[in-house]
Amino acid sequence: MGARMKARVEVTLKAGVLDPQGEAIRHALGSLGFDGVEDVRVGKVIELELEMQDRNKARAELERMCEKLLANTVIEDYRVEFL
């Protein structure tokens, strides 16, 4: 068994991509009396536990995961961080 490391991937819509879910939340907040909310963007956070020792190799593996499955890179950006 190798060393374990935890990582977090944050996926967000690229600037300029419409966010209907964020707009629905902004509207709902306004309806609830939270009038100062100008914009809401919705994303997702994915936490992974990897059995790897080399952080550089782990980052490369995580980036491949994002490119193939975790993010739609046409409309989304992603950021990888280790916990």
PDB file of N, CA and C in Angstrom:
ATOM      1  N   MET A   1       0.832  -1.187   0.000  1.00  0.00           N
ATOM      2  CA  MET A   1       0.000   0.000   0.000  1.00  0.00           C
ATOM      3  C   MET A   1       0.877   1.252   0.000  1.00  0.00           C
ATOM      4  N   GLY A   2       0.615   2.180  -0.919  1.00  0.00           N
ATOM      5  CA  GLY A   2       1.399   3.399  -1.008  1.00  0.00           C
ATOM      6  C   GLY A   2       0.826   4.506  -0.148  1.00  0.00           C
ATOM      7  N   ALA A   3       1.431   5.653  -0.265  1.00  0.00           N
ATOM      8  CA  ALA A   3       0.968   6.818   0.482  1.00  0.00           C
ATOM      9  C   ALA A   3      -0.339   7.328  -0.114  1.00  0.00           C
ATOM     10  N   ARG A   4      -1.157   7.888   0.739  1.00  0.00           N
ATOM     11  CA  ARG A   4      -2.420   8.460   0.285  1.00  0.00           C
ATOM     12  C   ARG A   4      -2.341   9.972   0.350  1.00  0.00           C
ATOM     13  N   MET A   5      -2.960  10.595  -0.631  1.00  0.00           N
ATOM     14  CA  MET A   5      -3.083  12.047  -0.605  1.00  0.00           C
ATOM     15  C   MET A   5      -4.497  12.415  -1.022  1.00  0.00           C
ATOM     16  N   LYS A   6      -4.949  13.531  -0.484  1.00  0.00           N
ATOM     17  CA  LYS A   6      -6.283  14.016  -0.818  1.00  0.00           C
ATOM     18  C   LYS A   6      -6.145  15.214  -1.736  1.00  0.00           C
ATOM     19  N   ALA A   7      -7.083  15.306  -2.661  1.00  0.00           N
ATOM     20  CA  ALA A   7      -7.083  16.418  -3.606  1.00  0.00           C
ATOM     21  C   ALA A   7      -8.509  16.919  -3.774  1.00  0.00           C
ATOM     22  N   ARG A   8      -8.609  18.170  -4.146  1.00  0.00           N
ATOM     23  CA  ARG A   8      -9.905  18.786  -4.425  1.00  0.00           C
ATOM     24  C   ARG A   8      -9.851  19.369  -5.827  1.00  0.00           C
ATOM     25  N   VAL A   9     -10.886  19.109  -6.604  1.00  0.00           N
ATOM     26  CA  VAL A   9     -11.023  19.680  -7.934  1.00  0.00           C
ATOM     27  C   VAL A   9     -12.238  20.599  -7.895  1.00  0.00           C
ATOM     28  N   GLU A  10     -12.041  21.857  -8.251  1.00  0.00           N
ATOM     29  CA  GLU A  10     -13.140  22.813  -8.348  1.00  0.00           C
ATOM     30  C   GLU A  10     -13.411  23.064  -9.822  1.00  0.00           C
ATOM     31  N   VAL A  11     -14.653  22.851 -10.223  1.00  0.00           N
ATOM     32  CA  VAL A  11     -15.053  23.033 -11.611  1.00  0.00           C
ATOM     33  C   VAL A  11     -16.041  24.196 -11.670  1.00  0.00           C
ATOM     34  N   THR A  12     -15.754  25.180 -12.517  1.00  0.00           N
ATOM     35  CA  THR A  12     -16.620  26.345 -12.664  1.00  0.00           C
ATOM     36  C   THR A  12     -16.843  26.634 -14.141  1.00  0.00           C
ATOM     37  N   LEU A  13     -17.943  27.297 -14.415  1.00  0.00           N
ATOM     38  CA  LEU A  13     -18.206  27.702 -15.791  1.00  0.00           C
ATOM     39  C   LEU A  13     -17.222  28.784 -16.208  1.00  0.00           C
ATOM     40  N   LYS A  14     -16.812  28.743 -17.447  1.00  0.00           N
ATOM     41  CA  LYS A  14     -15.917  29.772 -17.969  1.00  0.00           C
ATOM     42  C   LYS A  14     -16.644  31.112 -18.004  1.00  0.00           C
ATOM     43  N   ALA A  15     -15.870  32.184 -17.916  1.00  0.00           N
ATOM     44  CA  ALA A  15     -16.440  33.522 -18.015  1.00  0.00           C
ATOM     45  C   ALA A  15     -17.172  33.636 -19.345  1.00  0.00           C
ATOM     46  N   GLY A  16     -18.324  34.240 -19.315  1.00  0.00           N
ATOM     47  CA  GLY A  16     -19.094  34.428 -20.539  1.00  0.00           C
ATOM     48  C   GLY A  16     -20.082  33.319 -20.835  1.00  0.00           C
ATOM     49  N   VAL A  17     -19.980  32.193 -20.133  1.00  0.00           N
ATOM     50  CA  VAL A  17     -20.929  31.096 -20.321  1.00  0.00           C
ATOM     51  C   VAL A  17     -22.137  31.365 -19.422  1.00  0.00           C
ATOM     52  N   LEU A  18     -23.318  31.324 -20.002  1.00  0.00           N
ATOM     53  CA  LEU A  18     -24.533  31.559 -19.226  1.00  0.00           C
ATOM     54  C   LEU A  18     -24.687  30.498 -18.143  1.00  0.00           C
ATOM     55  N   ASP A  19     -25.185  30.933 -16.983  1.00  0.00           N
ATOM     56  CA  ASP A  19     -25.368  30.038 -15.844  1.00  0.00           C
ATOM     57  C   ASP A  19     -26.827  30.111 -15.393  1.00  0.00           C
ATOM     58  N   PRO A  20     -27.735  29.353 -16.027  1.00  0.00           N
ATOM     59  CA  PRO A  20     -29.147  29.430 -15.656  1.00  0.00           C
ATOM     60  C   PRO A  20     -29.413  29.015 -14.211  1.00  0.00           C
ATOM     61  N   GLN A  21     -28.652  28.067 -13.695  1.00  0.00           N
ATOM     62  CA  GLN A  21     -28.841  27.660 -12.302  1.00  0.00           C
ATOM     63  C   GLN A  21     -28.443  28.803 -11.368  1.00  0.00           C
ATOM     64  N   GLY A  22     -27.336  29.453 -11.660  1.00  0.00           N
ATOM     65  CA  GLY A  22     -26.922  30.601 -10.860  1.00  0.00           C
ATOM     66  C   GLY A  22     -27.933  31.728 -10.918  1.00  0.00           C
ATOM     67  N   GLU A  23     -28.496  31.969 -12.095  1.00  0.00           N
ATOM     68  CA  GLU A  23     -29.511  33.020 -12.252  1.00  0.00           C
ATOM     69  C   GLU A  23     -30.766  32.678 -11.462  1.00  0.00           C
ATOM     70  N   ALA A  24     -31.169  31.409 -11.462  1.00  0.00           N
ATOM     71  CA  ALA A  24     -32.339  30.993 -10.686  1.00  0.00           C
ATOM     72  C   ALA A  24     -32.098  31.203  -9.187  1.00  0.00           C
ATOM     73  N   ILE A  25     -30.896  30.914  -8.725  1.00  0.00           N
ATOM     74  CA  ILE A  25     -30.568  31.120  -7.312  1.00  0.00           C
ATOM     75  C   ILE A  25     -30.568  32.604  -6.986  1.00  0.00           C
ATOM     76  N   ARG A  26     -29.970  33.429  -7.867  1.00  0.00           N
ATOM     77  CA  ARG A  26     -29.958  34.881  -7.643  1.00  0.00           C
ATOM     78  C   ARG A  26     -31.377  35.417  -7.540  1.00  0.00           C
ATOM     79  N   HIS A  27     -32.245  34.974  -8.441  1.00  0.00           N
ATOM     80  CA  HIS A  27     -33.643  35.421  -8.425  1.00  0.00           C
ATOM     81  C   HIS A  27     -34.337  34.981  -7.130  1.00  0.00           C
ATOM     82  N   ALA A  28     -34.128  33.723  -6.726  1.00  0.00           N
ATOM     83  CA  ALA A  28     -34.747  33.207  -5.502  1.00  0.00           C
ATOM     84  C   ALA A  28     -34.255  33.981  -4.270  1.00  0.00           C
ATOM     85  N   LEU A  29     -32.973  34.298  -4.243  1.00  0.00           N
ATOM     86  CA  LEU A  29     -32.448  35.080  -3.119  1.00  0.00           C
ATOM     87  C   LEU A  29     -33.110  36.450  -3.059  1.00  0.00           C
ATOM     88  N   GLY A  30     -33.291  37.070  -4.236  1.00  0.00           N
ATOM     89  CA  GLY A  30     -33.989  38.358  -4.276  1.00  0.00           C
ATOM     90  C   GLY A  30     -35.411  38.242  -3.761  1.00  0.00           C
ATOM     91  N   SER A  31     -36.088  37.159  -4.111  1.00  0.00           N
ATOM     92  CA  SER A  31     -37.456  36.931  -3.647  1.00  0.00           C
ATOM     93  C   SER A  31     -37.517  36.752  -2.132  1.00  0.00           C
ATOM     94  N   LEU A  32     -36.425  36.283  -1.561  1.00  0.00           N
ATOM     95  CA  LEU A  32     -36.364  36.079  -0.110  1.00  0.00           C
ATOM     96  C   LEU A  32     -35.878  37.324   0.634  1.00  0.00           C
ATOM     97  N   GLY A  33     -35.667  38.414  -0.103  1.00  0.00           N
ATOM     98  CA  GLY A  33     -35.277  39.663   0.534  1.00  0.00           C
ATOM     99  C   GLY A  33     -33.784  39.950   0.532  1.00  0.00           C
ATOM    100  N   PHE A  34     -32.994  39.131  -0.125  1.00  0.00           N
ATOM    101  CA  PHE A  34     -31.551  39.370  -0.228  1.00  0.00           C
ATOM    102  C   PHE A  34     -31.294  40.166  -1.506  1.00  0.00           C
ATOM    103  N   ASP A  35     -31.488  41.479  -1.411  1.00  0.00           N
ATOM    104  CA  ASP A  35     -31.493  42.333  -2.596  1.00  0.00           C
ATOM    105  C   ASP A  35     -30.110  42.691  -3.127  1.00  0.00           C
ATOM    106  N   GLY A  36     -29.063  42.526  -2.356  1.00  0.00           N
ATOM    107  CA  GLY A  36     -27.740  42.966  -2.768  1.00  0.00           C
ATOM    108  C   GLY A  36     -26.969  41.972  -3.623  1.00  0.00           C
ATOM    109  N   VAL A  37     -27.562  40.854  -3.978  1.00  0.00           N
ATOM    110  CA  VAL A  37     -26.838  39.836  -4.740  1.00  0.00           C
ATOM    111  C   VAL A  37     -26.906  40.195  -6.223  1.00  0.00           C
ATOM    112  N   GLU A  38     -25.774  40.494  -6.808  1.00  0.00           N
ATOM    113  CA  GLU A  38     -25.713  40.920  -8.206  1.00  0.00           C
ATOM    114  C   GLU A  38     -25.531  39.752  -9.175  1.00  0.00           C
ATOM    115  N   ASP A  39     -24.776  38.734  -8.768  1.00  0.00           N
ATOM    116  CA  ASP A  39     -24.481  37.630  -9.675  1.00  0.00           C
ATOM    117  C   ASP A  39     -24.216  36.381  -8.853  1.00  0.00           C
ATOM    118  N   VAL A  40     -24.630  35.240  -9.370  1.00  0.00           N
ATOM    119  CA  VAL A  40     -24.371  33.953  -8.731  1.00  0.00           C
ATOM    120  C   VAL A  40     -23.861  33.007  -9.814  1.00  0.00           C
ATOM    121  N   ARG A  41     -22.768  32.348  -9.538  1.00  0.00           N
ATOM    122  CA  ARG A  41     -22.221  31.332 -10.439  1.00  0.00           C
ATOM    123  C   ARG A  41     -22.175  30.022  -9.664  1.00  0.00           C
ATOM    124  N   VAL A  42     -22.627  28.949 -10.275  1.00  0.00           N
ATOM    125  CA  VAL A  42     -22.676  27.644  -9.625  1.00  0.00           C
ATOM    126  C   VAL A  42     -21.593  26.749 -10.223  1.00  0.00           C
ATOM    127  N   GLY A  43     -20.909  26.027  -9.363  1.00  0.00           N
ATOM    128  CA  GLY A  43     -19.881  25.098  -9.809  1.00  0.00           C
ATOM    129  C   GLY A  43     -20.003  23.811  -9.024  1.00  0.00           C
ATOM    130  N   LYS A  44     -18.950  23.019  -9.070  1.00  0.00           N
ATOM    131  CA  LYS A  44     -18.952  21.779  -8.297  1.00  0.00           C
ATOM    132  C   LYS A  44     -17.566  21.544  -7.715  1.00  0.00           C
ATOM    133  N   VAL A  45     -17.555  20.854  -6.595  1.00  0.00           N
ATOM    134  CA  VAL A  45     -16.315  20.483  -5.910  1.00  0.00           C
ATOM    135  C   VAL A  45     -16.272  18.972  -5.821  1.00  0.00           C
ATOM    136  N   ILE A  46     -15.149  18.413  -6.231  1.00  0.00           N
ATOM    137  CA  ILE A  46     -14.959  16.963  -6.191  1.00  0.00           C
ATOM    138  C   ILE A  46     -13.719  16.687  -5.349  1.00  0.00           C
ATOM    139  N   GLU A  47     -13.871  15.913  -4.300  1.00  0.00           N
ATOM    140  CA  GLU A  47     -12.731  15.546  -3.457  1.00  0.00           C
ATOM    141  C   GLU A  47     -12.372  14.099  -3.737  1.00  0.00           C
ATOM    142  N   LEU A  48     -11.082  13.863  -3.918  1.00  0.00           N
ATOM    143  CA  LEU A  48     -10.588  12.533  -4.244  1.00  0.00           C
ATOM    144  C   LEU A  48      -9.475  12.152  -3.284  1.00  0.00           C
ATOM    145  N   GLU A  49      -9.389  10.866  -2.984  1.00  0.00           N
ATOM    146  CA  GLU A  49      -8.276  10.325  -2.216  1.00  0.00           C
ATOM    147  C   GLU A  49      -7.510   9.399  -3.147  1.00  0.00           C
ATOM    148  N   LEU A  50      -6.244   9.688  -3.323  1.00  0.00           N
ATOM    149  CA  LEU A  50      -5.407   8.943  -4.262  1.00  0.00           C
ATOM    150  C   LEU A  50      -4.337   8.168  -3.516  1.00  0.00           C
ATOM    151  N   GLU A  51      -4.048   6.996  -4.008  1.00  0.00           N
ATOM    152  CA  GLU A  51      -2.957   6.219  -3.445  1.00  0.00           C
ATOM    153  C   GLU A  51      -1.745   6.415  -4.349  1.00  0.00           C
ATOM    154  N   MET A  52      -1.037   7.495  -4.098  1.00  0.00           N
ATOM    155  CA  MET A  52       0.137   7.860  -4.887  1.00  0.00           C
ATOM    156  C   MET A  52       1.131   8.551  -3.968  1.00  0.00           C
ATOM    157  N   GLN A  53       2.388   8.535  -4.360  1.00  0.00           N
ATOM    158  CA  GLN A  53       3.420   9.190  -3.549  1.00  0.00           C
ATOM    159  C   GLN A  53       3.931  10.476  -4.186  1.00  0.00           C
ATOM    160  N   ASP A  54       3.957  10.518  -5.490  1.00  0.00           N
ATOM    161  CA  ASP A  54       4.534  11.650  -6.215  1.00  0.00           C
ATOM    162  C   ASP A  54       3.446  12.668  -6.545  1.00  0.00           C
ATOM    163  N   ARG A  55       3.566  13.846  -5.959  1.00  0.00           N
ATOM    164  CA  ARG A  55       2.551  14.891  -6.141  1.00  0.00           C
ATOM    165  C   ARG A  55       2.461  15.343  -7.597  1.00  0.00           C
ATOM    166  N   ASN A  56       3.583  15.416  -8.294  1.00  0.00           N
ATOM    167  CA  ASN A  56       3.564  15.834  -9.698  1.00  0.00           C
ATOM    168  C   ASN A  56       2.822  14.821 -10.564  1.00  0.00           C
ATOM    169  N   LYS A  57       3.063  13.546 -10.310  1.00  0.00           N
ATOM    170  CA  LYS A  57       2.350  12.504 -11.053  1.00  0.00           C
ATOM    171  C   LYS A  57       0.859  12.529 -10.704  1.00  0.00           C
ATOM    172  N   ALA A  58       0.562  12.776  -9.434  1.00  0.00           N
ATOM    173  CA  ALA A  58      -0.837  12.851  -9.005  1.00  0.00           C
ATOM    174  C   ALA A  58      -1.531  14.020  -9.694  1.00  0.00           C
ATOM    175  N   ARG A  59      -0.868  15.166  -9.781  1.00  0.00           N
ATOM    176  CA  ARG A  59      -1.460  16.332 -10.446  1.00  0.00           C
ATOM    177  C   ARG A  59      -1.729  16.022 -11.917  1.00  0.00           C
ATOM    178  N   ALA A  60      -0.781  15.386 -12.580  1.00  0.00           N
ATOM    179  CA  ALA A  60      -0.965  15.021 -13.988  1.00  0.00           C
ATOM    180  C   ALA A  60      -2.143  14.062 -14.141  1.00  0.00           C
ATOM    181  N   GLU A  61      -2.258  13.103 -13.239  1.00  0.00           N
ATOM    182  CA  GLU A  61      -3.363  12.144 -13.283  1.00  0.00           C
ATOM    183  C   GLU A  61      -4.700  12.858 -13.058  1.00  0.00           C
ATOM    184  N   LEU A  62      -4.739  13.766 -12.108  1.00  0.00           N
ATOM    185  CA  LEU A  62      -5.963  14.531 -11.841  1.00  0.00           C
ATOM    186  C   LEU A  62      -6.350  15.386 -13.048  1.00  0.00           C
ATOM    187  N   GLU A  63      -5.375  15.985 -13.686  1.00  0.00           N
ATOM    188  CA  GLU A  63      -5.671  16.797 -14.866  1.00  0.00           C
ATOM    189  C   GLU A  63      -6.231  15.931 -15.985  1.00  0.00           C
ATOM    190  N   ARG A  64      -5.723  14.732 -16.144  1.00  0.00           N
ATOM    191  CA  ARG A  64      -6.278  13.816 -17.147  1.00  0.00           C
ATOM    192  C   ARG A  64      -7.716  13.434 -16.788  1.00  0.00           C
ATOM    193  N   MET A  65      -7.977  13.219 -15.494  1.00  0.00           N
ATOM    194  CA  MET A  65      -9.339  12.920 -15.051  1.00  0.00           C
ATOM    195  C   MET A  65     -10.286  14.063 -15.403  1.00  0.00           C
ATOM    196  N   CYS A  66      -9.820  15.287 -15.186  1.00  0.00           N
ATOM    197  CA  CYS A  66     -10.645  16.461 -15.488  1.00  0.00           C
ATOM    198  C   CYS A  66     -10.910  16.558 -16.982  1.00  0.00           C
ATOM    199  N   GLU A  67      -9.872  16.363 -17.767  1.00  0.00           N
ATOM    200  CA  GLU A  67     -10.005  16.486 -19.223  1.00  0.00           C
ATOM    201  C   GLU A  67     -10.929  15.408 -19.803  1.00  0.00           C
ATOM    202  N   LYS A  68     -10.942  14.216 -19.183  1.00  0.00           N
ATOM    203  CA  LYS A  68     -11.720  13.108 -19.735  1.00  0.00           C
ATOM    204  C   LYS A  68     -13.115  12.978 -19.141  1.00  0.00           C
ATOM    205  N   LEU A  69     -13.321  13.415 -17.886  1.00  0.00           N
ATOM    206  CA  LEU A  69     -14.600  13.144 -17.229  1.00  0.00           C
ATOM    207  C   LEU A  69     -15.117  14.259 -16.329  1.00  0.00           C
ATOM    208  N   LEU A  70     -14.269  14.776 -15.456  1.00  0.00           N
ATOM    209  CA  LEU A  70     -14.760  15.633 -14.387  1.00  0.00           C
ATOM    210  C   LEU A  70     -15.203  17.018 -14.836  1.00  0.00           C
ATOM    211  N   ALA A  71     -14.660  17.514 -15.940  1.00  0.00           N
ATOM    212  CA  ALA A  71     -15.018  18.842 -16.436  1.00  0.00           C
ATOM    213  C   ALA A  71     -15.298  18.783 -17.934  1.00  0.00           C
ATOM    214  N   ASN A  72     -16.238  19.584 -18.360  1.00  0.00           N
ATOM    215  CA  ASN A  72     -16.475  19.779 -19.789  1.00  0.00           C
ATOM    216  C   ASN A  72     -15.637  20.986 -20.189  1.00  0.00           C
ATOM    217  N   THR A  73     -14.446  20.738 -20.680  1.00  0.00           N
ATOM    218  CA  THR A  73     -13.471  21.820 -20.882  1.00  0.00           C
ATOM    219  C   THR A  73     -13.859  22.797 -21.984  1.00  0.00           C
ATOM    220  N   VAL A  74     -14.920  22.509 -22.722  1.00  0.00           N
ATOM    221  CA  VAL A  74     -15.414  23.476 -23.698  1.00  0.00           C
ATOM    222  C   VAL A  74     -16.040  24.662 -22.970  1.00  0.00           C
ATOM    223  N   ILE A  75     -16.764  24.395 -21.880  1.00  0.00           N
ATOM    224  CA  ILE A  75     -17.474  25.459 -21.172  1.00  0.00           C
ATOM    225  C   ILE A  75     -17.057  25.614 -19.711  1.00  0.00           C
ATOM    226  N   GLU A  76     -16.186  24.721 -19.220  1.00  0.00           N
ATOM    227  CA  GLU A  76     -15.797  24.773 -17.808  1.00  0.00           C
ATOM    228  C   GLU A  76     -14.290  24.863 -17.631  1.00  0.00           C
ATOM    229  N   ASP A  77     -13.906  25.551 -16.571  1.00  0.00           N
ATOM    230  CA  ASP A  77     -12.515  25.577 -16.110  1.00  0.00           C
ATOM    231  C   ASP A  77     -12.425  24.687 -14.879  1.00  0.00           C
ATOM    232  N   TYR A  78     -11.231  24.238 -14.565  1.00  0.00           N
ATOM    233  CA  TYR A  78     -11.049  23.455 -13.343  1.00  0.00           C
ATOM    234  C   TYR A  78      -9.754  23.882 -12.657  1.00  0.00           C
ATOM    235  N   ARG A  79      -9.744  23.635 -11.361  1.00  0.00           N
ATOM    236  CA  ARG A  79      -8.563  23.941 -10.553  1.00  0.00           C
ATOM    237  C   ARG A  79      -8.338  22.774  -9.613  1.00  0.00           C
ATOM    238  N   VAL A  80      -7.097  22.328  -9.532  1.00  0.00           N
ATOM    239  CA  VAL A  80      -6.720  21.193  -8.690  1.00  0.00           C
ATOM    240  C   VAL A  80      -5.912  21.719  -7.519  1.00  0.00           C
ATOM    241  N   GLU A  81      -6.240  21.252  -6.310  1.00  0.00           N
ATOM    242  CA  GLU A  81      -5.424  21.572  -5.136  1.00  0.00           C
ATOM    243  C   GLU A  81      -5.320  20.340  -4.254  1.00  0.00           C
ATOM    244  N   PHE A  82      -4.214  20.246  -3.561  1.00  0.00           N
ATOM    245  CA  PHE A  82      -4.011  19.139  -2.628  1.00  0.00           C
ATOM    246  C   PHE A  82      -4.352  19.598  -1.232  1.00  0.00           C
ATOM    247  N   LEU A  83      -4.980  18.712  -0.476  1.00  0.00           N
ATOM    248  CA  LEU A  83      -5.440  19.048   0.882  1.00  0.00           C
ATOM    249  C   LEU A  83      -4.439  18.572   1.922  1.00  0.00           C
TER     250      LEU A  83
END
